[in-house]
PDB file of N, CA and C in Angstrom:
ATOM      1  N   MET A   1     -14.102 -36.530  57.897  1.00  0.00           N
ATOM      2  CA  MET A   1     -13.087 -36.232  56.918  1.00  0.00           C
ATOM      3  C   MET A   1     -13.723 -35.402  55.805  1.00  0.00           C
ATOM      4  N   ARG A   2     -13.418 -34.152  55.793  1.00  0.00           N
ATOM      5  CA  ARG A   2     -13.955 -33.272  54.760  1.00  0.00           C
ATOM      6  C   ARG A   2     -13.130 -33.433  53.479  1.00  0.00           C
ATOM      7  N   ILE A   3     -13.825 -33.362  52.365  1.00  0.00           N
ATOM      8  CA  ILE A   3     -13.170 -33.511  51.070  1.00  0.00           C
ATOM      9  C   ILE A   3     -13.261 -32.179  50.345  1.00  0.00           C
ATOM     10  N   ASP A   4     -12.112 -31.562  50.092  1.00  0.00           N
ATOM     11  CA  ASP A   4     -12.106 -30.272  49.418  1.00  0.00           C
ATOM     12  C   ASP A   4     -12.098 -30.453  47.898  1.00  0.00           C
ATOM     13  N   GLU A   5     -12.246 -29.352  47.197  1.00  0.00           N
ATOM     14  CA  GLU A   5     -12.312 -29.382  45.732  1.00  0.00           C
ATOM     15  C   GLU A   5     -11.033 -29.919  45.098  1.00  0.00           C
ATOM     16  N   ASN A   6      -9.879 -29.619  45.688  1.00  0.00           N
ATOM     17  CA  ASN A   6      -8.624 -30.133  45.140  1.00  0.00           C
ATOM     18  C   ASN A   6      -8.564 -31.652  45.235  1.00  0.00           C
ATOM     19  N   THR A   7      -9.065 -32.201  46.333  1.00  0.00           N
ATOM     20  CA  THR A   7      -9.093 -33.656  46.495  1.00  0.00           C
ATOM     21  C   THR A   7     -10.023 -34.276  45.459  1.00  0.00           C
ATOM     22  N   ILE A   8     -11.176 -33.670  45.249  1.00  0.00           N
ATOM     23  CA  ILE A   8     -12.117 -34.176  44.242  1.00  0.00           C
ATOM     24  C   ILE A   8     -11.499 -34.109  42.854  1.00  0.00           C
ATOM     25  N   LYS A   9     -10.810 -33.030  42.540  1.00  0.00           N
ATOM     26  CA  LYS A   9     -10.148 -32.911  41.238  1.00  0.00           C
ATOM     27  C   LYS A   9      -9.093 -33.997  41.052  1.00  0.00           C
ATOM     28  N   THR A  10      -8.337 -34.278  42.105  1.00  0.00           N
ATOM     29  CA  THR A  10      -7.323 -35.325  42.030  1.00  0.00           C
ATOM     30  C   THR A  10      -7.971 -36.689  41.839  1.00  0.00           C
ATOM     31  N   ILE A  11      -9.027 -36.965  42.609  1.00  0.00           N
ATOM     32  CA  ILE A  11      -9.737 -38.240  42.480  1.00  0.00           C
ATOM     33  C   ILE A  11     -10.250 -38.420  41.058  1.00  0.00           C
ATOM     34  N   THR A  12     -10.923 -37.412  40.526  1.00  0.00           N
ATOM     35  CA  THR A  12     -11.508 -37.550  39.197  1.00  0.00           C
ATOM     36  C   THR A  12     -10.442 -37.641  38.109  1.00  0.00           C
ATOM     37  N   SER A  13      -9.363 -36.919  38.264  1.00  0.00           N
ATOM     38  CA  SER A  13      -8.283 -36.976  37.279  1.00  0.00           C
ATOM     39  C   SER A  13      -7.669 -38.377  37.220  1.00  0.00           C
ATOM     40  N   ILE A  14      -7.368 -38.932  38.381  1.00  0.00           N
ATOM     41  CA  ILE A  14      -6.791 -40.279  38.423  1.00  0.00           C
ATOM     42  C   ILE A  14      -7.789 -41.297  37.897  1.00  0.00           C
ATOM     43  N   ALA A  15      -9.043 -41.174  38.301  1.00  0.00           N
ATOM     44  CA  ALA A  15     -10.069 -42.123  37.860  1.00  0.00           C
ATOM     45  C   ALA A  15     -10.218 -42.106  36.346  1.00  0.00           C
ATOM     46  N   LYS A  16     -10.191 -40.932  35.748  1.00  0.00           N
ATOM     47  CA  LYS A  16     -10.309 -40.830  34.294  1.00  0.00           C
ATOM     48  C   LYS A  16      -9.115 -41.481  33.599  1.00  0.00           C
ATOM     49  N   GLU A  17      -7.927 -41.379  34.191  1.00  0.00           N
ATOM     50  CA  GLU A  17      -6.744 -42.035  33.624  1.00  0.00           C
ATOM     51  C   GLU A  17      -6.942 -43.550  33.553  1.00  0.00           C
ATOM     52  N   TYR A  18      -7.704 -44.097  34.478  1.00  0.00           N
ATOM     53  CA  TYR A  18      -7.983 -45.529  34.507  1.00  0.00           C
ATOM     54  C   TYR A  18      -9.208 -45.898  33.679  1.00  0.00           C
ATOM     55  N   GLY A  19      -9.844 -44.910  33.056  1.00  0.00           N
ATOM     56  CA  GLY A  19     -10.983 -45.177  32.182  1.00  0.00           C
ATOM     57  C   GLY A  19     -12.344 -45.038  32.834  1.00  0.00           C
ATOM     58  N   ALA A  20     -12.413 -44.410  33.993  1.00  0.00           N
ATOM     59  CA  ALA A  20     -13.703 -44.253  34.671  1.00  0.00           C
ATOM     60  C   ALA A  20     -14.666 -43.428  33.828  1.00  0.00           C
ATOM     61  N   THR A  21     -15.870 -43.920  33.706  1.00  0.00           N
ATOM     62  CA  THR A  21     -16.914 -43.215  32.980  1.00  0.00           C
ATOM     63  C   THR A  21     -17.917 -42.585  33.933  1.00  0.00           C
ATOM     64  N   GLN A  22     -17.904 -43.036  35.176  1.00  0.00           N
ATOM     65  CA  GLN A  22     -18.719 -42.428  36.221  1.00  0.00           C
ATOM     66  C   GLN A  22     -18.074 -42.690  37.572  1.00  0.00           C
ATOM     67  N   MET A  23     -18.308 -41.776  38.495  1.00  0.00           N
ATOM     68  CA  MET A  23     -17.751 -41.890  39.846  1.00  0.00           C
ATOM     69  C   MET A  23     -18.712 -41.184  40.787  1.00  0.00           C
ATOM     70  N   PHE A  24     -19.063 -41.882  41.856  1.00  0.00           N
ATOM     71  CA  PHE A  24     -19.960 -41.328  42.864  1.00  0.00           C
ATOM     72  C   PHE A  24     -19.303 -41.380  44.227  1.00  0.00           C
ATOM     73  N   LEU A  25     -19.456 -40.314  44.982  1.00  0.00           N
ATOM     74  CA  LEU A  25     -19.087 -40.267  46.385  1.00  0.00           C
ATOM     75  C   LEU A  25     -20.331 -40.649  47.173  1.00  0.00           C
ATOM     76  N   PHE A  26     -20.185 -41.550  48.150  1.00  0.00           N
ATOM     77  CA  PHE A  26     -21.326 -41.947  48.959  1.00  0.00           C
ATOM     78  C   PHE A  26     -20.836 -42.313  50.356  1.00  0.00           C
ATOM     79  N   GLY A  27     -21.744 -42.648  51.227  1.00  0.00           N
ATOM     80  CA  GLY A  27     -21.381 -43.113  52.558  1.00  0.00           C
ATOM     81  C   GLY A  27     -21.016 -41.989  53.509  1.00  0.00           C
ATOM     82  N   GLY A  28     -20.218 -42.341  54.501  1.00  0.00           N
ATOM     83  CA  GLY A  28     -19.901 -41.441  55.597  1.00  0.00           C
ATOM     84  C   GLY A  28     -19.256 -40.132  55.200  1.00  0.00           C
ATOM     85  N   ALA A  29     -18.347 -40.148  54.250  1.00  0.00           N
ATOM     86  CA  ALA A  29     -17.668 -38.913  53.840  1.00  0.00           C
ATOM     87  C   ALA A  29     -18.646 -37.915  53.227  1.00  0.00           C
ATOM     88  N   LEU A  30     -19.773 -38.404  52.732  1.00  0.00           N
ATOM     89  CA  LEU A  30     -20.800 -37.536  52.174  1.00  0.00           C
ATOM     90  C   LEU A  30     -21.846 -37.182  53.226  1.00  0.00           C
ATOM     91  N   GLU A  31     -22.261 -38.174  54.004  1.00  0.00           N
ATOM     92  CA  GLU A  31     -23.371 -37.989  54.943  1.00  0.00           C
ATOM     93  C   GLU A  31     -22.963 -37.363  56.271  1.00  0.00           C
ATOM     94  N   SER A  32     -21.811 -37.749  56.808  1.00  0.00           N
ATOM     95  CA  SER A  32     -21.329 -37.152  58.068  1.00  0.00           C
ATOM     96  C   SER A  32     -19.806 -37.085  58.014  1.00  0.00           C
ATOM     97  N   PRO A  33     -19.272 -36.120  57.257  1.00  0.00           N
ATOM     98  CA  PRO A  33     -17.835 -36.023  57.002  1.00  0.00           C
ATOM     99  C   PRO A  33     -16.971 -35.980  58.261  1.00  0.00           C
ATOM    100  N   ALA A  34     -17.444 -35.363  59.322  1.00  0.00           N
ATOM    101  CA  ALA A  34     -16.631 -35.251  60.540  1.00  0.00           C
ATOM    102  C   ALA A  34     -16.357 -36.604  61.171  1.00  0.00           C
ATOM    103  N   ASP A  35     -17.236 -37.578  60.928  1.00  0.00           N
ATOM    104  CA  ASP A  35     -17.086 -38.904  61.526  1.00  0.00           C
ATOM    105  C   ASP A  35     -16.475 -39.928  60.577  1.00  0.00           C
ATOM    106  N   ALA A  36     -16.292 -39.582  59.308  1.00  0.00           N
ATOM    107  CA  ALA A  36     -15.828 -40.547  58.307  1.00  0.00           C
ATOM    108  C   ALA A  36     -14.370 -40.934  58.536  1.00  0.00           C
ATOM    109  N   ARG A  37     -14.103 -42.220  58.377  1.00  0.00           N
ATOM    110  CA  ARG A  37     -12.731 -42.742  58.507  1.00  0.00           C
ATOM    111  C   ARG A  37     -12.092 -43.022  57.153  1.00  0.00           C
ATOM    112  N   ASP A  38     -12.925 -43.071  56.121  1.00  0.00           N
ATOM    113  CA  ASP A  38     -12.421 -43.310  54.773  1.00  0.00           C
ATOM    114  C   ASP A  38     -13.374 -42.644  53.786  1.00  0.00           C
ATOM    115  N   ILE A  39     -13.047 -42.775  52.515  1.00  0.00           N
ATOM    116  CA  ILE A  39     -13.879 -42.221  51.459  1.00  0.00           C
ATOM    117  C   ILE A  39     -14.460 -43.378  50.667  1.00  0.00           C
ATOM    118  N   ASP A  40     -15.787 -43.405  50.575  1.00  0.00           N
ATOM    119  CA  ASP A  40     -16.480 -44.434  49.809  1.00  0.00           C
ATOM    120  C   ASP A  40     -16.764 -43.904  48.418  1.00  0.00           C
ATOM    121  N   LEU A  41     -16.292 -44.634  47.413  1.00  0.00           N
ATOM    122  CA  LEU A  41     -16.503 -44.260  46.022  1.00  0.00           C
ATOM    123  C   LEU A  41     -17.065 -45.442  45.255  1.00  0.00           C
ATOM    124  N   ALA A  42     -17.916 -45.148  44.289  1.00  0.00           N
ATOM    125  CA  ALA A  42     -18.402 -46.150  43.350  1.00  0.00           C
ATOM    126  C   ALA A  42     -17.973 -45.703  41.961  1.00  0.00           C
ATOM    127  N   CYS A  43     -17.439 -46.639  41.197  1.00  0.00           N
ATOM    128  CA  CYS A  43     -16.818 -46.307  39.920  1.00  0.00           C
ATOM    129  C   CYS A  43     -17.378 -47.181  38.811  1.00  0.00           C
ATOM    130  N   GLY A  44     -17.716 -46.550  37.691  1.00  0.00           N
ATOM    131  CA  GLY A  44     -18.137 -47.271  36.502  1.00  0.00           C
ATOM    132  C   GLY A  44     -17.079 -47.153  35.415  1.00  0.00           C
ATOM    133  N   GLY A  45     -16.968 -48.195  34.605  1.00  0.00           N
ATOM    134  CA  GLY A  45     -16.035 -48.169  33.490  1.00  0.00           C
ATOM    135  C   GLY A  45     -14.675 -48.761  33.780  1.00  0.00           C
ATOM    136  N   VAL A  46     -14.407 -49.076  35.029  1.00  0.00           N
ATOM    137  CA  VAL A  46     -13.126 -49.684  35.410  1.00  0.00           C
ATOM    138  C   VAL A  46     -13.452 -51.054  35.995  1.00  0.00           C
ATOM    139  N   THR A  47     -12.913 -52.097  35.394  1.00  0.00           N
ATOM    140  CA  THR A  47     -13.262 -53.448  35.817  1.00  0.00           C
ATOM    141  C   THR A  47     -12.029 -54.260  36.190  1.00  0.00           C
ATOM    142  N   GLY A  48     -12.285 -55.393  36.800  1.00  0.00           N
ATOM    143  CA  GLY A  48     -11.234 -56.344  37.122  1.00  0.00           C
ATOM    144  C   GLY A  48     -10.164 -55.745  38.028  1.00  0.00           C
ATOM    145  N   TRP A  49      -8.933 -56.154  37.772  1.00  0.00           N
ATOM    146  CA  TRP A  49      -7.804 -55.711  38.597  1.00  0.00           C
ATOM    147  C   TRP A  49      -7.563 -54.213  38.505  1.00  0.00           C
ATOM    148  N   LYS A  50      -7.976 -53.600  37.394  1.00  0.00           N
ATOM    149  CA  LYS A  50      -7.796 -52.149  37.240  1.00  0.00           C
ATOM    150  C   LYS A  50      -8.502 -51.381  38.347  1.00  0.00           C
ATOM    151  N   LEU A  51      -9.630 -51.909  38.832  1.00  0.00           N
ATOM    152  CA  LEU A  51     -10.357 -51.257  39.911  1.00  0.00           C
ATOM    153  C   LEU A  51      -9.505 -51.243  41.183  1.00  0.00           C
ATOM    154  N   PHE A  52      -8.828 -52.368  41.471  1.00  0.00           N
ATOM    155  CA  PHE A  52      -7.953 -52.436  42.641  1.00  0.00           C
ATOM    156  C   PHE A  52      -6.731 -51.543  42.465  1.00  0.00           C
ATOM    157  N   GLU A  53      -6.209 -51.487  41.238  1.00  0.00           N
ATOM    158  CA  GLU A  53      -5.077 -50.608  40.955  1.00  0.00           C
ATOM    159  C   GLU A  53      -5.465 -49.147  41.131  1.00  0.00           C
ATOM    160  N   LEU A  54      -6.668 -48.802  40.703  1.00  0.00           N
ATOM    161  CA  LEU A  54      -7.166 -47.438  40.884  1.00  0.00           C
ATOM    162  C   LEU A  54      -7.262 -47.098  42.367  1.00  0.00           C
ATOM    163  N   ALA A  55      -7.823 -47.987  43.153  1.00  0.00           N
ATOM    164  CA  ALA A  55      -7.934 -47.745  44.597  1.00  0.00           C
ATOM    165  C   ALA A  55      -6.555 -47.555  45.219  1.00  0.00           C
ATOM    166  N   ALA A  56      -5.599 -48.375  44.844  1.00  0.00           N
ATOM    167  CA  ALA A  56      -4.243 -48.253  45.374  1.00  0.00           C
ATOM    168  C   ALA A  56      -3.601 -46.927  44.963  1.00  0.00           C
ATOM    169  N   GLN A  57      -3.810 -46.527  43.719  1.00  0.00           N
ATOM    170  CA  GLN A  57      -3.255 -45.257  43.232  1.00  0.00           C
ATOM    171  C   GLN A  57      -3.842 -44.084  43.998  1.00  0.00           C
ATOM    172  N   LEU A  58      -5.153 -44.118  44.242  1.00  0.00           N
ATOM    173  CA  LEU A  58      -5.794 -43.048  45.011  1.00  0.00           C
ATOM    174  C   LEU A  58      -5.212 -42.965  46.420  1.00  0.00           C
ATOM    175  N   GLU A  59      -5.077 -44.115  47.076  1.00  0.00           N
ATOM    176  CA  GLU A  59      -4.530 -44.129  48.435  1.00  0.00           C
ATOM    177  C   GLU A  59      -3.086 -43.652  48.457  1.00  0.00           C
ATOM    178  N   ASP A  60      -2.275 -44.106  47.505  1.00  0.00           N
ATOM    179  CA  ASP A  60      -0.866 -43.705  47.452  1.00  0.00           C
ATOM    180  C   ASP A  60      -0.712 -42.206  47.186  1.00  0.00           C
ATOM    181  N   THR A  61      -1.553 -41.666  46.332  1.00  0.00           N
ATOM    182  CA  THR A  61      -1.453 -40.260  45.959  1.00  0.00           C
ATOM    183  C   THR A  61      -1.975 -39.337  47.056  1.00  0.00           C
ATOM    184  N   LEU A  62      -3.124 -39.683  47.631  1.00  0.00           N
ATOM    185  CA  LEU A  62      -3.795 -38.787  48.568  1.00  0.00           C
ATOM    186  C   LEU A  62      -3.568 -39.122  50.043  1.00  0.00           C
ATOM    187  N   HIS A  63      -2.995 -40.291  50.303  1.00  0.00           N
ATOM    188  CA  HIS A  63      -2.744 -40.721  51.690  1.00  0.00           C
ATOM    189  C   HIS A  63      -4.031 -40.731  52.510  1.00  0.00           C
ATOM    190  N   ILE A  64      -5.090 -41.237  51.877  1.00  0.00           N
ATOM    191  CA  ILE A  64      -6.409 -41.377  52.484  1.00  0.00           C
ATOM    192  C   ILE A  64      -6.870 -42.804  52.216  1.00  0.00           C
ATOM    193  N   ASN A  65      -7.588 -43.405  53.152  1.00  0.00           N
ATOM    194  CA  ASN A  65      -8.158 -44.727  52.918  1.00  0.00           C
ATOM    195  C   ASN A  65      -9.410 -44.609  52.071  1.00  0.00           C
ATOM    196  N   PHE A  66      -9.520 -45.481  51.075  1.00  0.00           N
ATOM    197  CA  PHE A  66     -10.661 -45.507  50.181  1.00  0.00           C
ATOM    198  C   PHE A  66     -11.320 -46.868  50.201  1.00  0.00           C
ATOM    199  N   ASP A  67     -12.644 -46.882  50.076  1.00  0.00           N
ATOM    200  CA  ASP A  67     -13.411 -48.073  49.737  1.00  0.00           C
ATOM    201  C   ASP A  67     -13.964 -47.795  48.355  1.00  0.00           C
ATOM    202  N   LEU A  68     -13.577 -48.619  47.396  1.00  0.00           N
ATOM    203  CA  LEU A  68     -13.972 -48.397  46.012  1.00  0.00           C
ATOM    204  C   LEU A  68     -14.764 -49.604  45.531  1.00  0.00           C
ATOM    205  N   VAL A  69     -15.993 -49.369  45.092  1.00  0.00           N
ATOM    206  CA  VAL A  69     -16.832 -50.445  44.577  1.00  0.00           C
ATOM    207  C   VAL A  69     -17.158 -50.169  43.114  1.00  0.00           C
ATOM    208  N   SER A  70     -17.446 -51.242  42.410  1.00  0.00           N
ATOM    209  CA  SER A  70     -17.770 -51.136  40.996  1.00  0.00           C
ATOM    210  C   SER A  70     -19.245 -50.822  40.804  1.00  0.00           C
ATOM    211  N   MET A  71     -19.533 -50.010  39.807  1.00  0.00           N
ATOM    212  CA  MET A  71     -20.912 -49.723  39.409  1.00  0.00           C
ATOM    213  C   MET A  71     -21.388 -50.734  38.365  1.00  0.00           C
ATOM    214  N   ASP A  72     -20.501 -51.606  37.929  1.00  0.00           N
ATOM    215  CA  ASP A  72     -20.796 -52.579  36.874  1.00  0.00           C
ATOM    216  C   ASP A  72     -20.797 -53.997  37.437  1.00  0.00           C
ATOM    217  N   PRO A  73     -21.842 -54.767  37.257  1.00  0.00           N
ATOM    218  CA  PRO A  73     -23.088 -54.437  36.583  1.00  0.00           C
ATOM    219  C   PRO A  73     -24.027 -53.680  37.520  1.00  0.00           C
ATOM    220  N   SER A  74     -25.028 -53.080  36.946  1.00  0.00           N
ATOM    221  CA  SER A  74     -26.022 -52.350  37.717  1.00  0.00           C
ATOM    222  C   SER A  74     -26.752 -53.303  38.661  1.00  0.00           C
ATOM    223  N   SER A  75     -27.013 -52.825  39.855  1.00  0.00           N
ATOM    224  CA  SER A  75     -27.722 -53.622  40.857  1.00  0.00           C
ATOM    225  C   SER A  75     -28.562 -52.686  41.710  1.00  0.00           C
ATOM    226  N   ARG A  76     -29.318 -53.249  42.604  1.00  0.00           N
ATOM    227  CA  ARG A  76     -30.110 -52.425  43.528  1.00  0.00           C
ATOM    228  C   ARG A  76     -29.189 -51.501  44.321  1.00  0.00           C
ATOM    229  N   PHE A  77     -28.034 -52.021  44.744  1.00  0.00           N
ATOM    230  CA  PHE A  77     -27.054 -51.241  45.502  1.00  0.00           C
ATOM    231  C   PHE A  77     -26.520 -50.073  44.668  1.00  0.00           C
ATOM    232  N   THR A  78     -26.128 -50.328  43.422  1.00  0.00           N
ATOM    233  CA  THR A  78     -25.564 -49.258  42.598  1.00  0.00           C
ATOM    234  C   THR A  78     -26.632 -48.216  42.241  1.00  0.00           C
ATOM    235  N   ARG A  79     -27.858 -48.650  42.051  1.00  0.00           N
ATOM    236  CA  ARG A  79     -28.935 -47.693  41.780  1.00  0.00           C
ATOM    237  C   ARG A  79     -29.184 -46.813  42.999  1.00  0.00           C
ATOM    238  N   HIS A  80     -29.045 -47.365  44.197  1.00  0.00           N
ATOM    239  CA  HIS A  80     -29.165 -46.583  45.422  1.00  0.00           C
ATOM    240  C   HIS A  80     -28.049 -45.527  45.484  1.00  0.00           C
ATOM    241  N   ILE A  81     -26.829 -45.939  45.155  1.00  0.00           N
ATOM    242  CA  ILE A  81     -25.707 -45.006  45.141  1.00  0.00           C
ATOM    243  C   ILE A  81     -25.966 -43.885  44.137  1.00  0.00           C
ATOM    244  N   GLU A  82     -26.451 -44.238  42.956  1.00  0.00           N
ATOM    245  CA  GLU A  82     -26.749 -43.221  41.939  1.00  0.00           C
ATOM    246  C   GLU A  82     -27.802 -42.222  42.422  1.00  0.00           C
ATOM    247  N   SER A  83     -28.766 -42.694  43.180  1.00  0.00           N
ATOM    248  CA  SER A  83     -29.843 -41.794  43.621  1.00  0.00           C
ATOM    249  C   SER A  83     -29.464 -40.964  44.843  1.00  0.00           C
ATOM    250  N   LYS A  84     -28.576 -41.474  45.706  1.00  0.00           N
ATOM    251  CA  LYS A  84     -28.255 -40.795  46.954  1.00  0.00           C
ATOM    252  C   LYS A  84     -26.850 -40.187  46.969  1.00  0.00           C
ATOM    253  N   GLY A  85     -25.953 -40.687  46.116  1.00  0.00           N
ATOM    254  CA  GLY A  85     -24.572 -40.233  46.129  1.00  0.00           C
ATOM    255  C   GLY A  85     -24.370 -38.927  45.380  1.00  0.00           C
ATOM    256  N   LYS A  86     -23.161 -38.412  45.475  1.00  0.00           N
ATOM    257  CA  LYS A  86     -22.780 -37.194  44.748  1.00  0.00           C
ATOM    258  C   LYS A  86     -21.955 -37.609  43.538  1.00  0.00           C
ATOM    259  N   ARG A  87     -22.423 -37.273  42.361  1.00  0.00           N
ATOM    260  CA  ARG A  87     -21.724 -37.649  41.133  1.00  0.00           C
ATOM    261  C   ARG A  87     -20.489 -36.760  40.964  1.00  0.00           C
ATOM    262  N   LEU A  88     -19.331 -37.411  40.808  1.00  0.00           N
ATOM    263  CA  LEU A  88     -18.076 -36.695  40.589  1.00  0.00           C
ATOM    264  C   LEU A  88     -17.689 -36.715  39.112  1.00  0.00           C
ATOM    265  N   ILE A  89     -18.020 -37.802  38.429  1.00  0.00           N
ATOM    266  CA  ILE A  89     -17.793 -37.933  36.973  1.00  0.00           C
ATOM    267  C   ILE A  89     -19.116 -38.377  36.367  1.00  0.00           C
TER     268      ILE A  89
END
């Protein structure tokens, strides 16, 4: 699943509306887009139920399946995403 610039702009615009302070693309859509079944995103600044609402809004708007994880609090996993992922915000 290739992600074009318009899709990235839509993702970042919606994420900012929810208060995202950082957003990273990681996983299959970044590493092997042709084989990806969904888009893996990590988001900072959006907590609790708002994170689930953001994921639902992204899916409803773009008609793409998303896996959205929180960057808060920092962990070994989130530091790995920061070092290997593509920063969108």
